[in-house]
């Protein structure tokens, strides 16, 4: 009886862990300085929300931690309160060095750091 009780307790403690599944918290491993955030296959960890999501689903303004969270045509600016944003058009400022529309890159020029061909 005791063995059955112990097995049941282990199943409850470890069998119901939903970390890494869609809509739930990310599975965090590694160290405090170099954490690793994982989700089940086919999902990405949106660290901004500590939630596993399907990739490329975030619309403009959606909380994000990487471009993989945002719709393909959007990007995730660097910052603590980042939200998915439209890519930067030619001549637009790109101080972080990224975020330009396809075919453009951030270049330093007379107008500062802007998206250019």
C-alpha atoms as a PDB file:
ATOM      1  CA  UNK A   1       0.000   0.000   0.000  1.00  0.00           C
ATOM      2  CA  UNK A   2       2.820   2.358   0.888  1.00  0.00           C
ATOM      3  CA  UNK A   3       4.512   1.700  -2.479  1.00  0.00           C
ATOM      4  CA  UNK A   4       1.249   2.520  -4.316  1.00  0.00           C
ATOM      5  CA  UNK A   5       0.876   5.755  -2.333  1.00  0.00           C
ATOM      6  CA  UNK A   6       4.455   6.793  -3.164  1.00  0.00           C
ATOM      7  CA  UNK A   7       3.978   6.035  -6.873  1.00  0.00           C
ATOM      8  CA  UNK A   8       0.736   8.039  -6.923  1.00  0.00           C
ATOM      9  CA  UNK A   9       2.428  10.972  -5.217  1.00  0.00           C
ATOM     10  CA  UNK A  10       5.291  10.954  -7.742  1.00  0.00           C
ATOM     11  CA  UNK A  11       2.819  10.879 -10.620  1.00  0.00           C
ATOM     12  CA  UNK A  12       0.990  13.894  -9.200  1.00  0.00           C
ATOM     13  CA  UNK A  13       4.193  15.819  -8.570  1.00  0.00           C
ATOM     14  CA  UNK A  14       5.920  15.118 -11.857  1.00  0.00           C
ATOM     15  CA  UNK A  15       3.275  13.838 -14.270  1.00  0.00           C
ATOM     16  CA  UNK A  16       1.232  17.045 -14.369  1.00  0.00           C
ATOM     17  CA  UNK A  17       3.996  19.474 -15.229  1.00  0.00           C
ATOM     18  CA  UNK A  18       2.773  21.640 -18.115  1.00  0.00           C
ATOM     19  CA  UNK A  19       5.938  23.719 -18.573  1.00  0.00           C
ATOM     20  CA  UNK A  20       7.004  23.832 -22.195  1.00  0.00           C
ATOM     21  CA  UNK A  21       3.521  23.234 -23.592  1.00  0.00           C
ATOM     22  CA  UNK A  22       1.532  25.759 -25.638  1.00  0.00           C
ATOM     23  CA  UNK A  23       0.112  28.580 -23.531  1.00  0.00           C
ATOM     24  CA  UNK A  24       2.091  27.594 -20.452  1.00  0.00           C
ATOM     25  CA  UNK A  25       5.377  28.686 -18.930  1.00  0.00           C
ATOM     26  CA  UNK A  26       8.689  27.967 -20.580  1.00  0.00           C
ATOM     27  CA  UNK A  27      10.965  25.256 -19.214  1.00  0.00           C
ATOM     28  CA  UNK A  28      13.925  27.170 -17.785  1.00  0.00           C
ATOM     29  CA  UNK A  29      17.315  25.533 -17.303  1.00  0.00           C
ATOM     30  CA  UNK A  30      20.919  26.661 -17.137  1.00  0.00           C
ATOM     31  CA  UNK A  31      22.324  29.182 -14.703  1.00  0.00           C
ATOM     32  CA  UNK A  32      21.133  32.539 -13.461  1.00  0.00           C
ATOM     33  CA  UNK A  33      23.541  34.324 -15.815  1.00  0.00           C
ATOM     34  CA  UNK A  34      22.921  32.079 -18.827  1.00  0.00           C
ATOM     35  CA  UNK A  35      19.372  30.742 -18.613  1.00  0.00           C
ATOM     36  CA  UNK A  36      17.991  28.599 -21.399  1.00  0.00           C
ATOM     37  CA  UNK A  37      14.281  28.786 -22.232  1.00  0.00           C
ATOM     38  CA  UNK A  38      12.751  25.766 -23.960  1.00  0.00           C
ATOM     39  CA  UNK A  39       9.351  24.685 -25.190  1.00  0.00           C
ATOM     40  CA  UNK A  40       7.959  21.559 -26.795  1.00  0.00           C
ATOM     41  CA  UNK A  41       8.940  21.008 -30.462  1.00  0.00           C
ATOM     42  CA  UNK A  42       7.228  23.447 -32.808  1.00  0.00           C
ATOM     43  CA  UNK A  43       6.886  26.139 -30.128  1.00  0.00           C
ATOM     44  CA  UNK A  44       9.032  29.134 -29.126  1.00  0.00           C
ATOM     45  CA  UNK A  45       9.451  30.709 -25.719  1.00  0.00           C
ATOM     46  CA  UNK A  46       8.239  34.280 -25.531  1.00  0.00           C
ATOM     47  CA  UNK A  47      10.485  35.270 -22.641  1.00  0.00           C
ATOM     48  CA  UNK A  48       8.657  38.615 -22.347  1.00  0.00           C
ATOM     49  CA  UNK A  49       5.596  36.678 -21.144  1.00  0.00           C
ATOM     50  CA  UNK A  50       7.306  33.453 -20.004  1.00  0.00           C
ATOM     51  CA  UNK A  51       4.938  31.552 -22.263  1.00  0.00           C
ATOM     52  CA  UNK A  52       5.334  28.907 -24.972  1.00  0.00           C
ATOM     53  CA  UNK A  53       3.686  29.945 -28.243  1.00  0.00           C
ATOM     54  CA  UNK A  54       3.485  28.957 -31.882  1.00  0.00           C
ATOM     55  CA  UNK A  55       6.161  30.902 -33.798  1.00  0.00           C
ATOM     56  CA  UNK A  56       5.417  34.024 -35.834  1.00  0.00           C
ATOM     57  CA  UNK A  57       1.994  34.783 -34.351  1.00  0.00           C
ATOM     58  CA  UNK A  58       2.546  38.194 -32.676  1.00  0.00           C
ATOM     59  CA  UNK A  59       0.915  41.190 -34.357  1.00  0.00           C
ATOM     60  CA  UNK A  60       2.009  44.841 -34.047  1.00  0.00           C
ATOM     61  CA  UNK A  61       2.354  45.749 -30.367  1.00  0.00           C
ATOM     62  CA  UNK A  62       2.329  42.162 -29.061  1.00  0.00           C
ATOM     63  CA  UNK A  63       4.894  41.588 -26.299  1.00  0.00           C
ATOM     64  CA  UNK A  64       7.978  39.907 -27.728  1.00  0.00           C
ATOM     65  CA  UNK A  65      11.444  38.734 -26.847  1.00  0.00           C
ATOM     66  CA  UNK A  66      12.662  37.808 -30.347  1.00  0.00           C
ATOM     67  CA  UNK A  67      11.698  38.074 -34.012  1.00  0.00           C
ATOM     68  CA  UNK A  68      10.532  34.431 -33.876  1.00  0.00           C
ATOM     69  CA  UNK A  69       7.549  35.539 -31.760  1.00  0.00           C
ATOM     70  CA  UNK A  70       6.342  38.191 -34.262  1.00  0.00           C
ATOM     71  CA  UNK A  71       4.603  37.761 -37.605  1.00  0.00           C
ATOM     72  CA  UNK A  72       7.192  37.173 -40.362  1.00  0.00           C
ATOM     73  CA  UNK A  73       6.838  40.704 -41.762  1.00  0.00           C
ATOM     74  CA  UNK A  74       7.465  42.265 -38.322  1.00  0.00           C
ATOM     75  CA  UNK A  75      10.453  42.406 -35.999  1.00  0.00           C
ATOM     76  CA  UNK A  76      11.037  42.630 -32.246  1.00  0.00           C
ATOM     77  CA  UNK A  77      13.000  45.740 -31.221  1.00  0.00           C
ATOM     78  CA  UNK A  78      15.543  45.402 -28.435  1.00  0.00           C
ATOM     79  CA  UNK A  79      14.258  46.567 -25.055  1.00  0.00           C
ATOM     80  CA  UNK A  80      12.511  45.585 -21.869  1.00  0.00           C
ATOM     81  CA  UNK A  81       9.047  46.632 -23.059  1.00  0.00           C
ATOM     82  CA  UNK A  82       9.469  45.469 -26.642  1.00  0.00           C
ATOM     83  CA  UNK A  83       6.464  44.884 -28.841  1.00  0.00           C
ATOM     84  CA  UNK A  84       6.323  43.516 -32.377  1.00  0.00           C
ATOM     85  CA  UNK A  85       6.789  46.395 -34.829  1.00  0.00           C
ATOM     86  CA  UNK A  86       6.703  47.083 -38.556  1.00  0.00           C
ATOM     87  CA  UNK A  87      10.080  46.807 -40.246  1.00  0.00           C
ATOM     88  CA  UNK A  88      11.905  50.070 -40.930  1.00  0.00           C
ATOM     89  CA  UNK A  89      11.671  51.529 -44.457  1.00  0.00           C
ATOM     90  CA  UNK A  90      14.538  53.058 -46.440  1.00  0.00           C
ATOM     91  CA  UNK A  91      15.838  56.210 -44.725  1.00  0.00           C
ATOM     92  CA  UNK A  92      14.301  55.258 -41.381  1.00  0.00           C
ATOM     93  CA  UNK A  93      16.479  55.338 -38.272  1.00  0.00           C
ATOM     94  CA  UNK A  94      17.753  51.966 -37.049  1.00  0.00           C
ATOM     95  CA  UNK A  95      19.871  52.786 -33.977  1.00  0.00           C
ATOM     96  CA  UNK A  96      19.910  49.156 -32.837  1.00  0.00           C
ATOM     97  CA  UNK A  97      21.462  48.119 -36.167  1.00  0.00           C
ATOM     98  CA  UNK A  98      18.547  45.856 -37.125  1.00  0.00           C
ATOM     99  CA  UNK A  99      14.905  45.987 -38.199  1.00  0.00           C
ATOM    100  CA  UNK A 100      15.112  47.116 -41.826  1.00  0.00           C
ATOM    101  CA  UNK A 101      12.757  45.786 -44.501  1.00  0.00           C
ATOM    102  CA  UNK A 102      14.127  43.021 -46.725  1.00  0.00           C
ATOM    103  CA  UNK A 103      16.899  44.184 -49.039  1.00  0.00           C
ATOM    104  CA  UNK A 104      18.023  47.030 -46.768  1.00  0.00           C
ATOM    105  CA  UNK A 105      20.634  47.163 -44.033  1.00  0.00           C
ATOM    106  CA  UNK A 106      21.530  49.638 -41.310  1.00  0.00           C
ATOM    107  CA  UNK A 107      24.323  51.937 -42.418  1.00  0.00           C
ATOM    108  CA  UNK A 108      25.943  54.919 -40.783  1.00  0.00           C
ATOM    109  CA  UNK A 109      25.779  58.062 -42.881  1.00  0.00           C
ATOM    110  CA  UNK A 110      25.281  61.823 -42.710  1.00  0.00           C
ATOM    111  CA  UNK A 111      21.744  61.347 -41.380  1.00  0.00           C
ATOM    112  CA  UNK A 112      22.862  58.924 -38.646  1.00  0.00           C
ATOM    113  CA  UNK A 113      22.270  55.188 -38.697  1.00  0.00           C
ATOM    114  CA  UNK A 114      19.488  54.511 -41.212  1.00  0.00           C
ATOM    115  CA  UNK A 115      18.138  51.707 -43.373  1.00  0.00           C
ATOM    116  CA  UNK A 116      19.764  51.898 -46.814  1.00  0.00           C
ATOM    117  CA  UNK A 117      20.438  49.779 -49.894  1.00  0.00           C
END
